[in-house]
Amino acid sequence: MSTMGGKPSARQAWQVAIGLAAVALGLRAGVACAEVAEPASSVEAAQCGDLIAIVRDSLDREVAVSCARSGASSCSERKRPLLAITTYIQQRTAAGSDDCETLLEVNRRLRALPARH
């Protein structure tokens, strides 16, 4: 999903949205469709920002869940990459970075996570 130095296309943004929805529903990231129909209009940066806010809130809720004593170390280990993604989002937002580019990178990082058991 290369943008060749430019902003992500509407198709790329929709692919990200589908991938994020799959992850949010607990599906394996690869389940998301590889190809989608081109949306009628281009995706605005505000929409990418809205999706980032949804992902950030979802990750924050996931990280906030208390770990059971019996599996605390594995639970903490599982949360580490989620914390890294939320930190990345915060840094990009604070720097005023392009929301659609941030969304593409967040999608890449989420897809790299191991499947939930």
PDB file of N, CA and C in Angstrom:
ATOM      1  N   MET A   1       0.822  -1.162   0.000  1.00  0.00           N
ATOM      2  CA  MET A   1       0.000   0.000   0.000  1.00  0.00           C
ATOM      3  C   MET A   1       0.873   1.234   0.000  1.00  0.00           C
ATOM      4  N   SER A   2       1.572   1.447  -1.031  1.00  0.00           N
ATOM      5  CA  SER A   2       2.495   2.573  -1.122  1.00  0.00           C
ATOM      6  C   SER A   2       1.773   3.807  -1.622  1.00  0.00           C
ATOM      7  N   THR A   3       2.098   4.928  -1.030  1.00  0.00           N
ATOM      8  CA  THR A   3       1.509   6.186  -1.466  1.00  0.00           C
ATOM      9  C   THR A   3       2.456   6.950  -2.369  1.00  0.00           C
ATOM     10  N   MET A   4       3.637   6.408  -2.610  1.00  0.00           N
ATOM     11  CA  MET A   4       4.639   7.004  -3.479  1.00  0.00           C
ATOM     12  C   MET A   4       4.911   8.452  -3.106  1.00  0.00           C
ATOM     13  N   GLY A   5       5.011   8.730  -1.806  1.00  0.00           N
ATOM     14  CA  GLY A   5       5.352  10.061  -1.348  1.00  0.00           C
ATOM     15  C   GLY A   5       4.174  11.003  -1.236  1.00  0.00           C
ATOM     16  N   GLY A   6       2.996  10.607  -1.747  1.00  0.00           N
ATOM     17  CA  GLY A   6       1.829  11.463  -1.666  1.00  0.00           C
ATOM     18  C   GLY A   6       0.907  11.032  -0.546  1.00  0.00           C
ATOM     19  N   LYS A   7      -0.232  11.694  -0.500  1.00  0.00           N
ATOM     20  CA  LYS A   7      -1.231  11.335   0.508  1.00  0.00           C
ATOM     21  C   LYS A   7      -1.891  10.017   0.119  1.00  0.00           C
ATOM     22  N   PRO A   8      -2.368   9.270   1.113  1.00  0.00           N
ATOM     23  CA  PRO A   8      -3.054   8.018   0.816  1.00  0.00           C
ATOM     24  C   PRO A   8      -4.296   8.277  -0.028  1.00  0.00           C
ATOM     25  N   SER A   9      -4.601   7.341  -0.908  1.00  0.00           N
ATOM     26  CA  SER A   9      -5.789   7.474  -1.742  1.00  0.00           C
ATOM     27  C   SER A   9      -7.026   7.092  -0.943  1.00  0.00           C
ATOM     28  N   ALA A  10      -8.172   7.400  -1.498  1.00  0.00           N
ATOM     29  CA  ALA A  10      -9.430   7.029  -0.857  1.00  0.00           C
ATOM     30  C   ALA A  10      -9.518   5.511  -0.726  1.00  0.00           C
ATOM     31  N   ARG A  11      -9.064   4.788  -1.745  1.00  0.00           N
ATOM     32  CA  ARG A  11      -9.077   3.321  -1.703  1.00  0.00           C
ATOM     33  C   ARG A  11      -8.233   2.827  -0.535  1.00  0.00           C
ATOM     34  N   GLN A  12      -7.058   3.392  -0.355  1.00  0.00           N
ATOM     35  CA  GLN A  12      -6.187   2.970   0.743  1.00  0.00           C
ATOM     36  C   GLN A  12      -6.831   3.267   2.088  1.00  0.00           C
ATOM     37  N   ALA A  13      -7.447   4.422   2.215  1.00  0.00           N
ATOM     38  CA  ALA A  13      -8.092   4.784   3.476  1.00  0.00           C
ATOM     39  C   ALA A  13      -9.239   3.828   3.792  1.00  0.00           C
ATOM     40  N   TRP A  14     -10.006   3.443   2.767  1.00  0.00           N
ATOM     41  CA  TRP A  14     -11.098   2.495   3.000  1.00  0.00           C
ATOM     42  C   TRP A  14     -10.556   1.113   3.337  1.00  0.00           C
ATOM     43  N   GLN A  15      -9.458   0.702   2.733  1.00  0.00           N
ATOM     44  CA  GLN A  15      -8.849  -0.581   3.084  1.00  0.00           C
ATOM     45  C   GLN A  15      -8.395  -0.569   4.536  1.00  0.00           C
ATOM     46  N   VAL A  16      -7.851   0.551   4.966  1.00  0.00           N
ATOM     47  CA  VAL A  16      -7.448   0.693   6.365  1.00  0.00           C
ATOM     48  C   VAL A  16      -8.673   0.577   7.262  1.00  0.00           C
ATOM     49  N   ALA A  17      -9.744   1.265   6.897  1.00  0.00           N
ATOM     50  CA  ALA A  17     -10.958   1.231   7.715  1.00  0.00           C
ATOM     51  C   ALA A  17     -11.496  -0.191   7.840  1.00  0.00           C
ATOM     52  N   ILE A  18     -11.486  -0.941   6.748  1.00  0.00           N
ATOM     53  CA  ILE A  18     -11.953  -2.324   6.785  1.00  0.00           C
ATOM     54  C   ILE A  18     -11.037  -3.169   7.664  1.00  0.00           C
ATOM     55  N   GLY A  19      -9.732  -2.979   7.524  1.00  0.00           N
ATOM     56  CA  GLY A  19      -8.782  -3.725   8.352  1.00  0.00           C
ATOM     57  C   GLY A  19      -8.943  -3.409   9.821  1.00  0.00           C
ATOM     58  N   LEU A  20      -9.127  -2.136  10.151  1.00  0.00           N
ATOM     59  CA  LEU A  20      -9.310  -1.739  11.547  1.00  0.00           C
ATOM     60  C   LEU A  20     -10.611  -2.297  12.099  1.00  0.00           C
ATOM     61  N   ALA A  21     -11.653  -2.301  11.277  1.00  0.00           N
ATOM     62  CA  ALA A  21     -12.926  -2.867  11.728  1.00  0.00           C
ATOM     63  C   ALA A  21     -12.763  -4.353  12.023  1.00  0.00           C
ATOM     64  N   ALA A  22     -12.014  -5.066  11.179  1.00  0.00           N
ATOM     65  CA  ALA A  22     -11.777  -6.494  11.408  1.00  0.00           C
ATOM     66  C   ALA A  22     -11.039  -6.715  12.716  1.00  0.00           C
ATOM     67  N   VAL A  23     -10.019  -5.912  12.968  1.00  0.00           N
ATOM     68  CA  VAL A  23      -9.253  -6.034  14.212  1.00  0.00           C
ATOM     69  C   VAL A  23     -10.136  -5.707  15.405  1.00  0.00           C
ATOM     70  N   ALA A  24     -10.939  -4.653  15.284  1.00  0.00           N
ATOM     71  CA  ALA A  24     -11.814  -4.251  16.387  1.00  0.00           C
ATOM     72  C   ALA A  24     -12.835  -5.332  16.714  1.00  0.00           C
ATOM     73  N   LEU A  25     -13.250  -6.090  15.706  1.00  0.00           N
ATOM     74  CA  LEU A  25     -14.209  -7.167  15.920  1.00  0.00           C
ATOM     75  C   LEU A  25     -13.539  -8.452  16.383  1.00  0.00           C
ATOM     76  N   GLY A  26     -12.221  -8.427  16.528  1.00  0.00           N
ATOM     77  CA  GLY A  26     -11.506  -9.599  17.011  1.00  0.00           C
ATOM     78  C   GLY A  26     -11.186 -10.602  15.922  1.00  0.00           C
ATOM     79  N   LEU A  27     -11.368 -10.221  14.664  1.00  0.00           N
ATOM     80  CA  LEU A  27     -11.028 -11.112  13.564  1.00  0.00           C
ATOM     81  C   LEU A  27      -9.537 -11.035  13.309  1.00  0.00           C
ATOM     82  N   ARG A  28      -8.996 -12.084  12.728  1.00  0.00           N
ATOM     83  CA  ARG A  28      -7.606 -12.032  12.326  1.00  0.00           C
ATOM     84  C   ARG A  28      -7.483 -10.936  11.283  1.00  0.00           C
ATOM     85  N   ALA A  29      -6.447 -10.139  11.373  1.00  0.00           N
ATOM     86  CA  ALA A  29      -6.305  -8.968  10.502  1.00  0.00           C
ATOM     87  C   ALA A  29      -6.365  -9.334   9.031  1.00  0.00           C
ATOM     88  N   GLY A  30      -5.875 -10.502   8.641  1.00  0.00           N
ATOM     89  CA  GLY A  30      -5.869 -10.916   7.250  1.00  0.00           C
ATOM     90  C   GLY A  30      -7.245 -11.222   6.700  1.00  0.00           C
ATOM     91  N   VAL A  31      -8.264 -11.278   7.566  1.00  0.00           N
ATOM     92  CA  VAL A  31      -9.612 -11.575   7.121  1.00  0.00           C
ATOM     93  C   VAL A  31     -10.192 -10.425   6.316  1.00  0.00           C
ATOM     94  N   ALA A  32      -9.721  -9.222   6.563  1.00  0.00           N
ATOM     95  CA  ALA A  32     -10.250  -8.044   5.869  1.00  0.00           C
ATOM     96  C   ALA A  32     -10.037  -8.177   4.368  1.00  0.00           C
ATOM     97  N   CYS A  33     -10.974  -7.649   3.613  1.00  0.00           N
ATOM     98  CA  CYS A  33     -10.903  -7.726   2.155  1.00  0.00           C
ATOM     99  C   CYS A  33      -9.664  -7.021   1.631  1.00  0.00           C
ATOM    100  N   ALA A  34      -9.036  -7.620   0.645  1.00  0.00           N
ATOM    101  CA  ALA A  34      -7.842  -7.024   0.053  1.00  0.00           C
ATOM    102  C   ALA A  34      -8.212  -5.914  -0.921  1.00  0.00           C
ATOM    103  N   GLU A  35      -9.343  -6.046  -1.567  1.00  0.00           N
ATOM    104  CA  GLU A  35      -9.771  -5.046  -2.540  1.00  0.00           C
ATOM    105  C   GLU A  35     -11.166  -4.563  -2.177  1.00  0.00           C
ATOM    106  N   VAL A  36     -11.393  -3.291  -2.318  1.00  0.00           N
ATOM    107  CA  VAL A  36     -12.715  -2.719  -2.090  1.00  0.00           C
ATOM    108  C   VAL A  36     -13.040  -1.793  -3.242  1.00  0.00           C
ATOM    109  N   ALA A  37     -14.326  -1.564  -3.443  1.00  0.00           N
ATOM    110  CA  ALA A  37     -14.731  -0.642  -4.498  1.00  0.00           C
ATOM    111  C   ALA A  37     -14.325   0.776  -4.113  1.00  0.00           C
ATOM    112  N   GLU A  38     -13.976   1.546  -5.102  1.00  0.00           N
ATOM    113  CA  GLU A  38     -13.592   2.942  -4.868  1.00  0.00           C
ATOM    114  C   GLU A  38     -14.804   3.701  -4.330  1.00  0.00           C
ATOM    115  N   PRO A  39     -14.670   4.399  -3.198  1.00  0.00           N
ATOM    116  CA  PRO A  39     -15.795   5.177  -2.685  1.00  0.00           C
ATOM    117  C   PRO A  39     -16.179   6.292  -3.653  1.00  0.00           C
ATOM    118  N   ALA A  40     -17.388   6.788  -3.507  1.00  0.00           N
ATOM    119  CA  ALA A  40     -17.894   7.808  -4.425  1.00  0.00           C
ATOM    120  C   ALA A  40     -17.088   9.098  -4.338  1.00  0.00           C
ATOM    121  N   SER A  41     -16.614   9.440  -3.161  1.00  0.00           N
ATOM    122  CA  SER A  41     -15.842  10.671  -3.016  1.00  0.00           C
ATOM    123  C   SER A  41     -14.577  10.384  -2.220  1.00  0.00           C
ATOM    124  N   SER A  42     -13.616  11.299  -2.290  1.00  0.00           N
ATOM    125  CA  SER A  42     -12.363  11.080  -1.562  1.00  0.00           C
ATOM    126  C   SER A  42     -12.595  11.199  -0.060  1.00  0.00           C
ATOM    127  N   VAL A  43     -11.761  10.508   0.692  1.00  0.00           N
ATOM    128  CA  VAL A  43     -11.873  10.532   2.145  1.00  0.00           C
ATOM    129  C   VAL A  43     -11.173  11.779   2.658  1.00  0.00           C
ATOM    130  N   GLU A  44     -11.878  12.551   3.442  1.00  0.00           N
ATOM    131  CA  GLU A  44     -11.324  13.784   3.998  1.00  0.00           C
ATOM    132  C   GLU A  44     -10.409  13.462   5.167  1.00  0.00           C
ATOM    133  N   ALA A  45      -9.445  14.335   5.404  1.00  0.00           N
ATOM    134  CA  ALA A  45      -8.516  14.150   6.525  1.00  0.00           C
ATOM    135  C   ALA A  45      -9.265  14.068   7.850  1.00  0.00           C
ATOM    136  N   ALA A  46     -10.370  14.787   7.972  1.00  0.00           N
ATOM    137  CA  ALA A  46     -11.160  14.747   9.208  1.00  0.00           C
ATOM    138  C   ALA A  46     -11.693  13.345   9.463  1.00  0.00           C
ATOM    139  N   GLN A  47     -12.045  12.624   8.401  1.00  0.00           N
ATOM    140  CA  GLN A  47     -12.541  11.263   8.567  1.00  0.00           C
ATOM    141  C   GLN A  47     -11.423  10.351   9.050  1.00  0.00           C
ATOM    142  N   CYS A  48     -10.215  10.552   8.555  1.00  0.00           N
ATOM    143  CA  CYS A  48      -9.075   9.772   9.040  1.00  0.00           C
ATOM    144  C   CYS A  48      -8.846  10.071  10.516  1.00  0.00           C
ATOM    145  N   GLY A  49      -8.969  11.341  10.885  1.00  0.00           N
ATOM    146  CA  GLY A  49      -8.825  11.728  12.288  1.00  0.00           C
ATOM    147  C   GLY A  49      -9.884  11.078  13.164  1.00  0.00           C
ATOM    148  N   ASP A  50     -11.114  10.986  12.642  1.00  0.00           N
ATOM    149  CA  ASP A  50     -12.187  10.324  13.388  1.00  0.00           C
ATOM    150  C   ASP A  50     -11.873   8.847  13.590  1.00  0.00           C
ATOM    151  N   LEU A  51     -11.374   8.192  12.550  1.00  0.00           N
ATOM    152  CA  LEU A  51     -11.007   6.775  12.670  1.00  0.00           C
ATOM    153  C   LEU A  51      -9.864   6.585  13.661  1.00  0.00           C
ATOM    154  N   ILE A  52      -8.898   7.484  13.633  1.00  0.00           N
ATOM    155  CA  ILE A  52      -7.783   7.404  14.589  1.00  0.00           C
ATOM    156  C   ILE A  52      -8.318   7.524  16.017  1.00  0.00           C
ATOM    157  N   ALA A  53      -9.256   8.438  16.235  1.00  0.00           N
ATOM    158  CA  ALA A  53      -9.835   8.612  17.573  1.00  0.00           C
ATOM    159  C   ALA A  53     -10.545   7.344  18.031  1.00  0.00           C
ATOM    160  N   ILE A  54     -11.259   6.690  17.121  1.00  0.00           N
ATOM    161  CA  ILE A  54     -11.950   5.442  17.454  1.00  0.00           C
ATOM    162  C   ILE A  54     -10.946   4.360  17.819  1.00  0.00           C
ATOM    163  N   VAL A  55      -9.896   4.224  17.017  1.00  0.00           N
ATOM    164  CA  VAL A  55      -8.868   3.213  17.279  1.00  0.00           C
ATOM    165  C   VAL A  55      -8.176   3.503  18.605  1.00  0.00           C
ATOM    166  N   ARG A  56      -7.813   4.760  18.831  1.00  0.00           N
ATOM    167  CA  ARG A  56      -7.134   5.132  20.077  1.00  0.00           C
ATOM    168  C   ARG A  56      -8.008   4.814  21.286  1.00  0.00           C
ATOM    169  N   ASP A  57      -9.299   5.158  21.212  1.00  0.00           N
ATOM    170  CA  ASP A  57     -10.213   4.865  22.321  1.00  0.00           C
ATOM    171  C   ASP A  57     -10.335   3.363  22.558  1.00  0.00           C
ATOM    172  N   SER A  58     -10.416   2.605  21.478  1.00  0.00           N
ATOM    173  CA  SER A  58     -10.503   1.150  21.595  1.00  0.00           C
ATOM    174  C   SER A  58      -9.243   0.573  22.238  1.00  0.00           C
ATOM    175  N   LEU A  59      -8.084   1.053  21.799  1.00  0.00           N
ATOM    176  CA  LEU A  59      -6.823   0.578  22.375  1.00  0.00           C
ATOM    177  C   LEU A  59      -6.709   0.979  23.845  1.00  0.00           C
ATOM    178  N   ASP A  60      -7.127   2.198  24.167  1.00  0.00           N
ATOM    179  CA  ASP A  60      -7.092   2.652  25.562  1.00  0.00           C
ATOM    180  C   ASP A  60      -7.958   1.760  26.448  1.00  0.00           C
ATOM    181  N   ARG A  61      -9.151   1.396  25.959  1.00  0.00           N
ATOM    182  CA  ARG A  61     -10.032   0.509  26.734  1.00  0.00           C
ATOM    183  C   ARG A  61      -9.409  -0.872  26.902  1.00  0.00           C
ATOM    184  N   GLU A  62      -8.782  -1.378  25.859  1.00  0.00           N
ATOM    185  CA  GLU A  62      -8.140  -2.696  25.918  1.00  0.00           C
ATOM    186  C   GLU A  62      -7.005  -2.694  26.935  1.00  0.00           C
ATOM    187  N   VAL A  63      -6.212  -1.645  26.944  1.00  0.00           N
ATOM    188  CA  VAL A  63      -5.070  -1.545  27.856  1.00  0.00           C
ATOM    189  C   VAL A  63      -5.542  -1.338  29.297  1.00  0.00           C
ATOM    190  N   ALA A  64      -6.682  -0.669  29.483  1.00  0.00           N
ATOM    191  CA  ALA A  64      -7.177  -0.361  30.824  1.00  0.00           C
ATOM    192  C   ALA A  64      -7.730  -1.577  31.561  1.00  0.00           C
ATOM    193  N   VAL A  65      -8.030  -2.652  30.844  1.00  0.00           N
ATOM    194  CA  VAL A  65      -8.571  -3.853  31.483  1.00  0.00           C
ATOM    195  C   VAL A  65      -7.518  -4.438  32.414  1.00  0.00           C
ATOM    196  N   SER A  66      -7.924  -4.716  33.640  1.00  0.00           N
ATOM    197  CA  SER A  66      -6.996  -5.271  34.630  1.00  0.00           C
ATOM    198  C   SER A  66      -6.588  -6.688  34.252  1.00  0.00           C
ATOM    199  N   CYS A  67      -5.348  -7.006  34.544  1.00  0.00           N
ATOM    200  CA  CYS A  67      -4.826  -8.346  34.292  1.00  0.00           C
ATOM    201  C   CYS A  67      -5.107  -9.229  35.508  1.00  0.00           C
ATOM    202  N   ALA A  68      -5.484 -10.475  35.270  1.00  0.00           N
ATOM    203  CA  ALA A  68      -5.663 -11.438  36.359  1.00  0.00           C
ATOM    204  C   ALA A  68      -4.298 -11.764  36.949  1.00  0.00           C
ATOM    205  N   ARG A  69      -4.267 -12.043  38.220  1.00  0.00           N
ATOM    206  CA  ARG A  69      -2.989 -12.339  38.877  1.00  0.00           C
ATOM    207  C   ARG A  69      -2.268 -13.515  38.244  1.00  0.00           C
ATOM    208  N   SER A  70      -3.015 -14.545  37.883  1.00  0.00           N
ATOM    209  CA  SER A  70      -2.378 -15.761  37.368  1.00  0.00           C
ATOM    210  C   SER A  70      -1.649 -15.538  36.044  1.00  0.00           C
ATOM    211  N   GLY A  71      -2.107 -14.624  35.229  1.00  0.00           N
ATOM    212  CA  GLY A  71      -1.467 -14.387  33.936  1.00  0.00           C
ATOM    213  C   GLY A  71      -0.991 -12.967  33.761  1.00  0.00           C
ATOM    214  N   ALA A  72      -0.622 -12.322  34.851  1.00  0.00           N
ATOM    215  CA  ALA A  72      -0.273 -10.899  34.800  1.00  0.00           C
ATOM    216  C   ALA A  72       0.896 -10.606  33.877  1.00  0.00           C
ATOM    217  N   SER A  73       1.922 -11.453  33.884  1.00  0.00           N
ATOM    218  CA  SER A  73       3.091 -11.159  33.046  1.00  0.00           C
ATOM    219  C   SER A  73       2.761 -11.304  31.567  1.00  0.00           C
ATOM    220  N   SER A  74       2.013 -12.344  31.189  1.00  0.00           N
ATOM    221  CA  SER A  74       1.658 -12.501  29.778  1.00  0.00           C
ATOM    222  C   SER A  74       0.664 -11.424  29.351  1.00  0.00           C
ATOM    223  N   CYS A  75      -0.199 -11.031  30.261  1.00  0.00           N
ATOM    224  CA  CYS A  75      -1.158  -9.961  29.970  1.00  0.00           C
ATOM    225  C   CYS A  75      -0.416  -8.646  29.731  1.00  0.00           C
ATOM    226  N   SER A  76       0.529  -8.346  30.585  1.00  0.00           N
ATOM    227  CA  SER A  76       1.319  -7.118  30.425  1.00  0.00           C
ATOM    228  C   SER A  76       2.116  -7.148  29.128  1.00  0.00           C
ATOM    229  N   GLU A  77       2.639  -8.309  28.795  1.00  0.00           N
ATOM    230  CA  GLU A  77       3.402  -8.468  27.551  1.00  0.00           C
ATOM    231  C   GLU A  77       2.499  -8.230  26.338  1.00  0.00           C
ATOM    232  N   ARG A  78       1.261  -8.712  26.411  1.00  0.00           N
ATOM    233  CA  ARG A  78       0.306  -8.546  25.317  1.00  0.00           C
ATOM    234  C   ARG A  78      -0.064  -7.074  25.141  1.00  0.00           C
ATOM    235  N   LYS A  79      -0.095  -6.332  26.240  1.00  0.00           N
ATOM    236  CA  LYS A  79      -0.480  -4.921  26.184  1.00  0.00           C
ATOM    237  C   LYS A  79       0.646  -4.013  25.687  1.00  0.00           C
ATOM    238  N   ARG A  80       1.882  -4.464  25.774  1.00  0.00           N
ATOM    239  CA  ARG A  80       3.025  -3.620  25.400  1.00  0.00           C
ATOM    240  C   ARG A  80       2.915  -3.061  23.972  1.00  0.00           C
ATOM    241  N   PRO A  81       2.635  -3.884  22.943  1.00  0.00           N
ATOM    242  CA  PRO A  81       2.531  -3.306  21.592  1.00  0.00           C
ATOM    243  C   PRO A  81       1.339  -2.364  21.441  1.00  0.00           C
ATOM    244  N   LEU A  82       0.266  -2.611  22.194  1.00  0.00           N
ATOM    245  CA  LEU A  82      -0.885  -1.715  22.135  1.00  0.00           C
ATOM    246  C   LEU A  82      -0.523  -0.348  22.700  1.00  0.00           C
ATOM    247  N   LEU A  83       0.235  -0.350  23.787  1.00  0.00           N
ATOM    248  CA  LEU A  83       0.711   0.912  24.368  1.00  0.00           C
ATOM    249  C   LEU A  83       1.629   1.648  23.398  1.00  0.00           C
ATOM    250  N   ALA A  84       2.465   0.897  22.692  1.00  0.00           N
ATOM    251  CA  ALA A  84       3.368   1.513  21.712  1.00  0.00           C
ATOM    252  C   ALA A  84       2.571   2.180  20.589  1.00  0.00           C
ATOM    253  N   ILE A  85       1.485   1.550  20.172  1.00  0.00           N
ATOM    254  CA  ILE A  85       0.659   2.132  19.110  1.00  0.00           C
ATOM    255  C   ILE A  85      -0.035   3.396  19.609  1.00  0.00           C
ATOM    256  N   THR A  86      -0.560   3.365  20.832  1.00  0.00           N
ATOM    257  CA  THR A  86      -1.212   4.573  21.357  1.00  0.00           C
ATOM    258  C   THR A  86      -0.207   5.710  21.526  1.00  0.00           C
ATOM    259  N   THR A  87       1.005   5.379  21.943  1.00  0.00           N
ATOM    260  CA  THR A  87       2.056   6.399  22.054  1.00  0.00           C
ATOM    261  C   THR A  87       2.374   6.982  20.683  1.00  0.00           C
ATOM    262  N   TYR A  88       2.470   6.129  19.669  1.00  0.00           N
ATOM    263  CA  TYR A  88       2.724   6.579  18.299  1.00  0.00           C
ATOM    264  C   TYR A  88       1.622   7.546  17.846  1.00  0.00           C
ATOM    265  N   ILE A  89       0.365   7.181  18.106  1.00  0.00           N
ATOM    266  CA  ILE A  89      -0.752   8.046  17.716  1.00  0.00           C
ATOM    267  C   ILE A  89      -0.644   9.400  18.419  1.00  0.00           C
ATOM    268  N   GLN A  90      -0.359   9.379  19.717  1.00  0.00           N
ATOM    269  CA  GLN A  90      -0.238  10.626  20.482  1.00  0.00           C
ATOM    270  C   GLN A  90       0.882  11.506  19.933  1.00  0.00           C
ATOM    271  N   GLN A  91       2.022  10.901  19.612  1.00  0.00           N
ATOM    272  CA  GLN A  91       3.157  11.667  19.088  1.00  0.00           C
ATOM    273  C   GLN A  91       2.833  12.277  17.735  1.00  0.00           C
ATOM    274  N   ARG A  92       2.209  11.501  16.854  1.00  0.00           N
ATOM    275  CA  ARG A  92       1.858  12.000  15.522  1.00  0.00           C
ATOM    276  C   ARG A  92       0.819  13.120  15.614  1.00  0.00           C
ATOM    277  N   THR A  93      -0.149  12.952  16.504  1.00  0.00           N
ATOM    278  CA  THR A  93      -1.180  13.975  16.686  1.00  0.00           C
ATOM    279  C   THR A  93      -0.562  15.259  17.223  1.00  0.00           C
ATOM    280  N   ALA A  94       0.305  15.131  18.222  1.00  0.00           N
ATOM    281  CA  ALA A  94       0.964  16.304  18.814  1.00  0.00           C
ATOM    282  C   ALA A  94       1.830  17.034  17.794  1.00  0.00           C
ATOM    283  N   ALA A  95       2.414  16.289  16.856  1.00  0.00           N
ATOM    284  CA  ALA A  95       3.277  16.890  15.839  1.00  0.00           C
ATOM    285  C   ALA A  95       2.479  17.469  14.670  1.00  0.00           C
ATOM    286  N   GLY A  96       1.155  17.283  14.683  1.00  0.00           N
ATOM    287  CA  GLY A  96       0.329  17.789  13.592  1.00  0.00           C
ATOM    288  C   GLY A  96       0.524  17.019  12.301  1.00  0.00           C
ATOM    289  N   SER A  97       0.887  15.759  12.406  1.00  0.00           N
ATOM    290  CA  SER A  97       1.134  14.920  11.230  1.00  0.00           C
ATOM    291  C   SER A  97      -0.163  14.609  10.489  1.00  0.00           C
ATOM    292  N   ASP A  98      -0.020  14.214   9.236  1.00  0.00           N
ATOM    293  CA  ASP A  98      -1.158  13.866   8.398  1.00  0.00           C
ATOM    294  C   ASP A  98      -1.905  12.679   9.009  1.00  0.00           C
ATOM    295  N   ASP A  99      -3.199  12.862   9.271  1.00  0.00           N
ATOM    296  CA  ASP A  99      -3.993  11.819   9.915  1.00  0.00           C
ATOM    297  C   ASP A  99      -4.129  10.562   9.060  1.00  0.00           C
ATOM    298  N   CYS A 100      -4.246  10.720   7.747  1.00  0.00           N
ATOM    299  CA  CYS A 100      -4.403   9.545   6.885  1.00  0.00           C
ATOM    300  C   CYS A 100      -3.120   8.723   6.842  1.00  0.00           C
ATOM    301  N   GLU A 101      -1.977   9.386   6.826  1.00  0.00           N
ATOM    302  CA  GLU A 101      -0.708   8.656   6.870  1.00  0.00           C
ATOM    303  C   GLU A 101      -0.546   7.950   8.215  1.00  0.00           C
ATOM    304  N   THR A 102      -0.945   8.623   9.290  1.00  0.00           N
ATOM    305  CA  THR A 102      -0.896   8.007  10.616  1.00  0.00           C
ATOM    306  C   THR A 102      -1.795   6.782  10.647  1.00  0.00           C
ATOM    307  N   LEU A 103      -2.981   6.898  10.081  1.00  0.00           N
ATOM    308  CA  LEU A 103      -3.930   5.788  10.050  1.00  0.00           C
ATOM    309  C   LEU A 103      -3.363   4.590   9.297  1.00  0.00           C
ATOM    310  N   LEU A 104      -2.698   4.848   8.178  1.00  0.00           N
ATOM    311  CA  LEU A 104      -2.081   3.753   7.421  1.00  0.00           C
ATOM    312  C   LEU A 104      -1.013   3.038   8.249  1.00  0.00           C
ATOM    313  N   GLU A 105      -0.190   3.788   8.957  1.00  0.00           N
ATOM    314  CA  GLU A 105       0.857   3.182   9.784  1.00  0.00           C
ATOM    315  C   GLU A 105       0.254   2.425  10.964  1.00  0.00           C
ATOM    316  N   VAL A 106      -0.777   2.984  11.581  1.00  0.00           N
ATOM    317  CA  VAL A 106      -1.446   2.291  12.687  1.00  0.00           C
ATOM    318  C   VAL A 106      -2.029   0.976  12.184  1.00  0.00           C
ATOM    319  N   ASN A 107      -2.636   0.999  11.016  1.00  0.00           N
ATOM    320  CA  ASN A 107      -3.174  -0.233  10.437  1.00  0.00           C
ATOM    321  C   ASN A 107      -2.064  -1.260  10.229  1.00  0.00           C
ATOM    322  N   ARG A 108      -0.923  -0.826   9.701  1.00  0.00           N
ATOM    323  CA  ARG A 108       0.196  -1.745   9.480  1.00  0.00           C
ATOM    324  C   ARG A 108       0.634  -2.373  10.799  1.00  0.00           C
ATOM    325  N   ARG A 109       0.727  -1.550  11.839  1.00  0.00           N
ATOM    326  CA  ARG A 109       1.161  -2.058  13.148  1.00  0.00           C
ATOM    327  C   ARG A 109       0.135  -3.004  13.758  1.00  0.00           C
ATOM    328  N   LEU A 110      -1.148  -2.686  13.606  1.00  0.00           N
ATOM    329  CA  LEU A 110      -2.187  -3.571  14.136  1.00  0.00           C
ATOM    330  C   LEU A 110      -2.195  -4.912  13.408  1.00  0.00           C
ATOM    331  N   ARG A 111      -1.998  -4.874  12.106  1.00  0.00           N
ATOM    332  CA  ARG A 111      -1.989  -6.112  11.321  1.00  0.00           C
ATOM    333  C   ARG A 111      -0.790  -6.987  11.662  1.00  0.00           C
ATOM    334  N   ALA A 112       0.267  -6.383  12.178  1.00  0.00           N
ATOM    335  CA  ALA A 112       1.464  -7.143  12.547  1.00  0.00           C
ATOM    336  C   ALA A 112       1.317  -7.838  13.905  1.00  0.00           C
ATOM    337  N   LEU A 113       0.287  -7.475  14.664  1.00  0.00           N
ATOM    338  CA  LEU A 113       0.088  -8.097  15.973  1.00  0.00           C
ATOM    339  C   LEU A 113      -0.329  -9.558  15.813  1.00  0.00           C
ATOM    340  N   PRO A 114       0.049 -10.405  16.763  1.00  0.00           N
ATOM    341  CA  PRO A 114      -0.395 -11.801  16.700  1.00  0.00           C
ATOM    342  C   PRO A 114      -1.911 -11.885  16.890  1.00  0.00           C
ATOM    343  N   ALA A 115      -2.503 -12.938  16.371  1.00  0.00           N
ATOM    344  CA  ALA A 115      -3.944 -13.140  16.496  1.00  0.00           C
ATOM    345  C   ALA A 115      -4.332 -13.293  17.961  1.00  0.00           C
ATOM    346  N   ARG A 116      -5.515 -12.812  18.299  1.00  0.00           N
ATOM    347  CA  ARG A 116      -6.021 -12.962  19.669  1.00  0.00           C
ATOM    348  C   ARG A 116      -6.460 -14.401  19.876  1.00  0.00           C
ATOM    349  N   HIS A 117      -6.275 -14.877  21.086  1.00  0.00           N
ATOM    350  CA  HIS A 117      -6.698 -16.257  21.399  1.00  0.00           C
ATOM    351  C   HIS A 117      -7.890 -16.239  22.295  1.00  0.00           C
TER     352      HIS A 117
END
